[in-house]
Amino acid sequence: MDLKMLNSIVKIFSKYNIRIETVGMTIVGIDQVKVDLDSKAYMPDQLIKLISNVVTQQIIKQCWDF
């Protein structure tokens, strides 16, 4: 994983209105959920699944918190 790939992933998620905040190679926020993910530790497909899981958990939480 490099910065170019991370930026590409961030751009792709933004097309789905999912905002990813980064500081260098670290993801620090996913749709206003604070996280601390070192993207260098993941393959691109693993990182995409991890980001998707964070979003999925927020949707589940909202469903149960109505």
PDB file of N, CA and C in Angstrom:
ATOM      1  N   MET A   1       0.855  -1.163   0.000  1.00  0.00           N
ATOM      2  CA  MET A   1       0.000   0.000   0.000  1.00  0.00           C
ATOM      3  C   MET A   1       0.903   1.228   0.000  1.00  0.00           C
ATOM      4  N   ASP A   2       0.601   2.133  -0.877  1.00  0.00           N
ATOM      5  CA  ASP A   2       1.328   3.395  -0.904  1.00  0.00           C
ATOM      6  C   ASP A   2       0.322   4.543  -0.896  1.00  0.00           C
ATOM      7  N   LEU A   3       0.833   5.759  -0.821  1.00  0.00           N
ATOM      8  CA  LEU A   3      -0.029   6.934  -0.713  1.00  0.00           C
ATOM      9  C   LEU A   3      -0.930   7.084  -1.937  1.00  0.00           C
ATOM     10  N   LYS A   4      -0.413   6.757  -3.098  1.00  0.00           N
ATOM     11  CA  LYS A   4      -1.214   6.853  -4.325  1.00  0.00           C
ATOM     12  C   LYS A   4      -2.428   5.922  -4.247  1.00  0.00           C
ATOM     13  N   MET A   5      -2.222   4.694  -3.797  1.00  0.00           N
ATOM     14  CA  MET A   5      -3.310   3.724  -3.679  1.00  0.00           C
ATOM     15  C   MET A   5      -4.303   4.168  -2.603  1.00  0.00           C
ATOM     16  N   LEU A   6      -3.792   4.662  -1.478  1.00  0.00           N
ATOM     17  CA  LEU A   6      -4.677   5.136  -0.408  1.00  0.00           C
ATOM     18  C   LEU A   6      -5.550   6.279  -0.919  1.00  0.00           C
ATOM     19  N   ASN A   7      -4.959   7.225  -1.611  1.00  0.00           N
ATOM     20  CA  ASN A   7      -5.732   8.346  -2.154  1.00  0.00           C
ATOM     21  C   ASN A   7      -6.777   7.859  -3.146  1.00  0.00           C
ATOM     22  N   SER A   8      -6.443   6.855  -3.916  1.00  0.00           N
ATOM     23  CA  SER A   8      -7.392   6.278  -4.856  1.00  0.00           C
ATOM     24  C   SER A   8      -8.575   5.649  -4.122  1.00  0.00           C
ATOM     25  N   ILE A   9      -8.295   4.926  -3.064  1.00  0.00           N
ATOM     26  CA  ILE A   9      -9.355   4.300  -2.265  1.00  0.00           C
ATOM     27  C   ILE A   9     -10.250   5.371  -1.641  1.00  0.00           C
ATOM     28  N   VAL A  10      -9.639   6.414  -1.099  1.00  0.00           N
ATOM     29  CA  VAL A  10     -10.405   7.526  -0.507  1.00  0.00           C
ATOM     30  C   VAL A  10     -11.326   8.147  -1.559  1.00  0.00           C
ATOM     31  N   LYS A  11     -10.806   8.345  -2.754  1.00  0.00           N
ATOM     32  CA  LYS A  11     -11.590   8.943  -3.839  1.00  0.00           C
ATOM     33  C   LYS A  11     -12.759   8.039  -4.243  1.00  0.00           C
ATOM     34  N   ILE A  12     -12.502   6.748  -4.324  1.00  0.00           N
ATOM     35  CA  ILE A  12     -13.565   5.804  -4.690  1.00  0.00           C
ATOM     36  C   ILE A  12     -14.673   5.810  -3.643  1.00  0.00           C
ATOM     37  N   PHE A  13     -14.312   5.761  -2.361  1.00  0.00           N
ATOM     38  CA  PHE A  13     -15.322   5.787  -1.302  1.00  0.00           C
ATOM     39  C   PHE A  13     -16.108   7.095  -1.323  1.00  0.00           C
ATOM     40  N   SER A  14     -15.465   8.187  -1.698  1.00  0.00           N
ATOM     41  CA  SER A  14     -16.178   9.473  -1.732  1.00  0.00           C
ATOM     42  C   SER A  14     -17.285   9.469  -2.786  1.00  0.00           C
ATOM     43  N   LYS A  15     -17.144   8.665  -3.816  1.00  0.00           N
ATOM     44  CA  LYS A  15     -18.206   8.532  -4.826  1.00  0.00           C
ATOM     45  C   LYS A  15     -19.475   7.937  -4.222  1.00  0.00           C
ATOM     46  N   TYR A  16     -19.323   7.238  -3.110  1.00  0.00           N
ATOM     47  CA  TYR A  16     -20.454   6.633  -2.399  1.00  0.00           C
ATOM     48  C   TYR A  16     -20.818   7.446  -1.151  1.00  0.00           C
ATOM     49  N   ASN A  17     -20.356   8.694  -1.129  1.00  0.00           N
ATOM     50  CA  ASN A  17     -20.614   9.620  -0.014  1.00  0.00           C
ATOM     51  C   ASN A  17     -20.079   9.109   1.320  1.00  0.00           C
ATOM     52  N   ILE A  18     -18.983   8.384   1.279  1.00  0.00           N
ATOM     53  CA  ILE A  18     -18.305   7.927   2.492  1.00  0.00           C
ATOM     54  C   ILE A  18     -17.021   8.728   2.598  1.00  0.00           C
ATOM     55  N   ARG A  19     -16.946   9.533   3.644  1.00  0.00           N
ATOM     56  CA  ARG A  19     -15.803  10.434   3.824  1.00  0.00           C
ATOM     57  C   ARG A  19     -14.728   9.752   4.672  1.00  0.00           C
ATOM     58  N   ILE A  20     -13.526   9.708   4.134  1.00  0.00           N
ATOM     59  CA  ILE A  20     -12.391   9.122   4.843  1.00  0.00           C
ATOM     60  C   ILE A  20     -11.368  10.224   5.079  1.00  0.00           C
ATOM     61  N   GLU A  21     -10.988  10.385   6.337  1.00  0.00           N
ATOM     62  CA  GLU A  21      -9.984  11.392   6.698  1.00  0.00           C
ATOM     63  C   GLU A  21      -8.646  10.693   6.915  1.00  0.00           C
ATOM     64  N   THR A  22      -7.597  11.289   6.370  1.00  0.00           N
ATOM     65  CA  THR A  22      -6.274  10.704   6.512  1.00  0.00           C
ATOM     66  C   THR A  22      -5.277  11.747   7.014  1.00  0.00           C
ATOM     67  N   VAL A  23      -4.243  11.240   7.653  1.00  0.00           N
ATOM     68  CA  VAL A  23      -3.067  12.025   8.002  1.00  0.00           C
ATOM     69  C   VAL A  23      -1.893  11.180   7.523  1.00  0.00           C
ATOM     70  N   GLY A  24      -1.334  11.592   6.403  1.00  0.00           N
ATOM     71  CA  GLY A  24      -0.295  10.765   5.792  1.00  0.00           C
ATOM     72  C   GLY A  24      -0.890   9.446   5.370  1.00  0.00           C
ATOM     73  N   MET A  25      -0.314   8.367   5.826  1.00  0.00           N
ATOM     74  CA  MET A  25      -0.788   7.024   5.485  1.00  0.00           C
ATOM     75  C   MET A  25      -1.742   6.449   6.535  1.00  0.00           C
ATOM     76  N   THR A  26      -2.110   7.262   7.516  1.00  0.00           N
ATOM     77  CA  THR A  26      -2.992   6.806   8.585  1.00  0.00           C
ATOM     78  C   THR A  26      -4.411   7.297   8.340  1.00  0.00           C
ATOM     79  N   ILE A  27      -5.366   6.392   8.418  1.00  0.00           N
ATOM     80  CA  ILE A  27      -6.775   6.769   8.349  1.00  0.00           C
ATOM     81  C   ILE A  27      -7.201   7.125   9.762  1.00  0.00           C
ATOM     82  N   VAL A  28      -7.714   8.343   9.937  1.00  0.00           N
ATOM     83  CA  VAL A  28      -8.086   8.812  11.273  1.00  0.00           C
ATOM     84  C   VAL A  28      -9.596   8.987  11.431  1.00  0.00           C
ATOM     85  N   GLY A  29     -10.336   8.886  10.337  1.00  0.00           N
ATOM     86  CA  GLY A  29     -11.781   9.009  10.420  1.00  0.00           C
ATOM     87  C   GLY A  29     -12.471   8.388   9.223  1.00  0.00           C
ATOM     88  N   ILE A  30     -13.594   7.732   9.512  1.00  0.00           N
ATOM     89  CA  ILE A  30     -14.441   7.172   8.467  1.00  0.00           C
ATOM     90  C   ILE A  30     -15.860   7.629   8.771  1.00  0.00           C
ATOM     91  N   ASP A  31     -16.383   8.522   7.956  1.00  0.00           N
ATOM     92  CA  ASP A  31     -17.730   9.068   8.166  1.00  0.00           C
ATOM     93  C   ASP A  31     -17.935   9.524   9.609  1.00  0.00           C
ATOM     94  N   GLN A  32     -17.042  10.336  10.094  1.00  0.00           N
ATOM     95  CA  GLN A  32     -17.076  10.950  11.424  1.00  0.00           C
ATOM     96  C   GLN A  32     -16.869   9.965  12.565  1.00  0.00           C
ATOM     97  N   VAL A  33     -16.450   8.743  12.255  1.00  0.00           N
ATOM     98  CA  VAL A  33     -16.075   7.776  13.285  1.00  0.00           C
ATOM     99  C   VAL A  33     -14.562   7.831  13.398  1.00  0.00           C
ATOM    100  N   LYS A  34     -14.074   8.103  14.599  1.00  0.00           N
ATOM    101  CA  LYS A  34     -12.626   8.183  14.791  1.00  0.00           C
ATOM    102  C   LYS A  34     -12.023   6.789  14.769  1.00  0.00           C
ATOM    103  N   VAL A  35     -10.998   6.649  13.956  1.00  0.00           N
ATOM    104  CA  VAL A  35     -10.256   5.393  13.862  1.00  0.00           C
ATOM    105  C   VAL A  35      -8.768   5.727  13.806  1.00  0.00           C
ATOM    106  N   ASP A  36      -7.958   4.728  13.965  1.00  0.00           N
ATOM    107  CA  ASP A  36      -6.506   4.889  13.857  1.00  0.00           C
ATOM    108  C   ASP A  36      -5.969   3.670  13.111  1.00  0.00           C
ATOM    109  N   LEU A  37      -6.012   3.756  11.777  1.00  0.00           N
ATOM    110  CA  LEU A  37      -5.619   2.625  10.944  1.00  0.00           C
ATOM    111  C   LEU A  37      -4.383   2.980  10.132  1.00  0.00           C
ATOM    112  N   ASP A  38      -3.331   2.219  10.328  1.00  0.00           N
ATOM    113  CA  ASP A  38      -2.115   2.394   9.541  1.00  0.00           C
ATOM    114  C   ASP A  38      -2.300   1.644   8.231  1.00  0.00           C
ATOM    115  N   SER A  39      -2.593   2.365   7.167  1.00  0.00           N
ATOM    116  CA  SER A  39      -2.912   1.720   5.900  1.00  0.00           C
ATOM    117  C   SER A  39      -1.731   0.937   5.322  1.00  0.00           C
ATOM    118  N   LYS A  40      -0.520   1.221   5.779  1.00  0.00           N
ATOM    119  CA  LYS A  40       0.650   0.482   5.302  1.00  0.00           C
ATOM    120  C   LYS A  40       0.613  -0.983   5.739  1.00  0.00           C
ATOM    121  N   ALA A  41      -0.185  -1.289   6.753  1.00  0.00           N
ATOM    122  CA  ALA A  41      -0.249  -2.644   7.290  1.00  0.00           C
ATOM    123  C   ALA A  41      -1.231  -3.532   6.533  1.00  0.00           C
ATOM    124  N   TYR A  42      -1.923  -2.983   5.531  1.00  0.00           N
ATOM    125  CA  TYR A  42      -2.968  -3.723   4.833  1.00  0.00           C
ATOM    126  C   TYR A  42      -2.725  -3.759   3.332  1.00  0.00           C
ATOM    127  N   MET A  43      -3.189  -4.824   2.717  1.00  0.00           N
ATOM    128  CA  MET A  43      -3.274  -4.887   1.263  1.00  0.00           C
ATOM    129  C   MET A  43      -4.514  -4.073   0.878  1.00  0.00           C
ATOM    130  N   PRO A  44      -4.577  -3.524  -0.334  1.00  0.00           N
ATOM    131  CA  PRO A  44      -5.723  -2.690  -0.715  1.00  0.00           C
ATOM    132  C   PRO A  44      -7.081  -3.354  -0.498  1.00  0.00           C
ATOM    133  N   ASP A  45      -7.234  -4.614  -0.870  1.00  0.00           N
ATOM    134  CA  ASP A  45      -8.526  -5.280  -0.684  1.00  0.00           C
ATOM    135  C   ASP A  45      -8.871  -5.450   0.789  1.00  0.00           C
ATOM    136  N   GLN A  46      -7.869  -5.675   1.637  1.00  0.00           N
ATOM    137  CA  GLN A  46      -8.105  -5.786   3.075  1.00  0.00           C
ATOM    138  C   GLN A  46      -8.563  -4.452   3.645  1.00  0.00           C
ATOM    139  N   LEU A  47      -7.945  -3.375   3.203  1.00  0.00           N
ATOM    140  CA  LEU A  47      -8.303  -2.044   3.702  1.00  0.00           C
ATOM    141  C   LEU A  47      -9.715  -1.674   3.267  1.00  0.00           C
ATOM    142  N   ILE A  48     -10.069  -1.991   2.044  1.00  0.00           N
ATOM    143  CA  ILE A  48     -11.420  -1.712   1.553  1.00  0.00           C
ATOM    144  C   ILE A  48     -12.450  -2.465   2.395  1.00  0.00           C
ATOM    145  N   LYS A  49     -12.186  -3.724   2.686  1.00  0.00           N
ATOM    146  CA  LYS A  49     -13.101  -4.513   3.520  1.00  0.00           C
ATOM    147  C   LYS A  49     -13.183  -3.944   4.933  1.00  0.00           C
ATOM    148  N   LEU A  50     -12.076  -3.513   5.484  1.00  0.00           N
ATOM    149  CA  LEU A  50     -12.058  -2.950   6.823  1.00  0.00           C
ATOM    150  C   LEU A  50     -12.865  -1.653   6.885  1.00  0.00           C
ATOM    151  N   ILE A  51     -12.669  -0.776   5.912  1.00  0.00           N
ATOM    152  CA  ILE A  51     -13.445   0.468   5.848  1.00  0.00           C
ATOM    153  C   ILE A  51     -14.926   0.146   5.711  1.00  0.00           C
ATOM    154  N   SER A  52     -15.249  -0.810   4.864  1.00  0.00           N
ATOM    155  CA  SER A  52     -16.641  -1.216   4.669  1.00  0.00           C
ATOM    156  C   SER A  52     -17.238  -1.770   5.954  1.00  0.00           C
ATOM    157  N   ASN A  53     -16.454  -2.508   6.724  1.00  0.00           N
ATOM    158  CA  ASN A  53     -16.940  -3.034   7.998  1.00  0.00           C
ATOM    159  C   ASN A  53     -17.244  -1.925   8.996  1.00  0.00           C
ATOM    160  N   VAL A  54     -16.433  -0.883   9.015  1.00  0.00           N
ATOM    161  CA  VAL A  54     -16.700   0.252   9.905  1.00  0.00           C
ATOM    162  C   VAL A  54     -18.035   0.894   9.532  1.00  0.00           C
ATOM    163  N   VAL A  55     -18.256   1.097   8.244  1.00  0.00           N
ATOM    164  CA  VAL A  55     -19.511   1.688   7.769  1.00  0.00           C
ATOM    165  C   VAL A  55     -20.680   0.760   8.095  1.00  0.00           C
ATOM    166  N   THR A  56     -20.511  -0.538   7.869  1.00  0.00           N
ATOM    167  CA  THR A  56     -21.560  -1.513   8.170  1.00  0.00           C
ATOM    168  C   THR A  56     -21.944  -1.469   9.647  1.00  0.00           C
ATOM    169  N   GLN A  57     -20.955  -1.408  10.513  1.00  0.00           N
ATOM    170  CA  GLN A  57     -21.237  -1.363  11.948  1.00  0.00           C
ATOM    171  C   GLN A  57     -21.996  -0.104  12.336  1.00  0.00           C
ATOM    172  N   GLN A  58     -21.712   1.007  11.683  1.00  0.00           N
ATOM    173  CA  GLN A  58     -22.444   2.249  11.968  1.00  0.00           C
ATOM    174  C   GLN A  58     -23.899   2.134  11.511  1.00  0.00           C
ATOM    175  N   ILE A  59     -24.132   1.491  10.391  1.00  0.00           N
ATOM    176  CA  ILE A  59     -25.501   1.290   9.909  1.00  0.00           C
ATOM    177  C   ILE A  59     -26.267   0.387  10.870  1.00  0.00           C
ATOM    178  N   ILE A  60     -25.649  -0.701  11.300  1.00  0.00           N
ATOM    179  CA  ILE A  60     -26.286  -1.608  12.260  1.00  0.00           C
ATOM    180  C   ILE A  60     -26.595  -0.866  13.556  1.00  0.00           C
ATOM    181  N   LYS A  61     -25.652  -0.090  14.040  1.00  0.00           N
ATOM    182  CA  LYS A  61     -25.858   0.681  15.282  1.00  0.00           C
ATOM    183  C   LYS A  61     -27.043   1.628  15.134  1.00  0.00           C
ATOM    184  N   GLN A  62     -27.127   2.313  14.000  1.00  0.00           N
ATOM    185  CA  GLN A  62     -28.241   3.235  13.783  1.00  0.00           C
ATOM    186  C   GLN A  62     -29.567   2.496  13.714  1.00  0.00           C
ATOM    187  N   CYS A  63     -29.592   1.314  13.153  1.00  0.00           N
ATOM    188  CA  CYS A  63     -30.826   0.535  13.078  1.00  0.00           C
ATOM    189  C   CYS A  63     -31.329   0.153  14.469  1.00  0.00           C
ATOM    190  N   TRP A  64     -30.426  -0.160  15.370  1.00  0.00           N
ATOM    191  CA  TRP A  64     -30.823  -0.581  16.705  1.00  0.00           C
ATOM    192  C   TRP A  64     -31.029   0.585  17.664  1.00  0.00           C
ATOM    193  N   ASP A  65     -30.559   1.776  17.299  1.00  0.00           N
ATOM    194  CA  ASP A  65     -30.687   2.938  18.167  1.00  0.00           C
ATOM    195  C   ASP A  65     -31.864   3.839  17.814  1.00  0.00           C
ATOM    196  N   PHE A  66     -32.800   3.358  16.997  1.00  0.00           N
ATOM    197  CA  PHE A  66     -33.911   4.219  16.584  1.00  0.00           C
ATOM    198  C   PHE A  66     -34.859   4.490  17.648  1.00  0.00           C
TER     199      PHE A  66
END
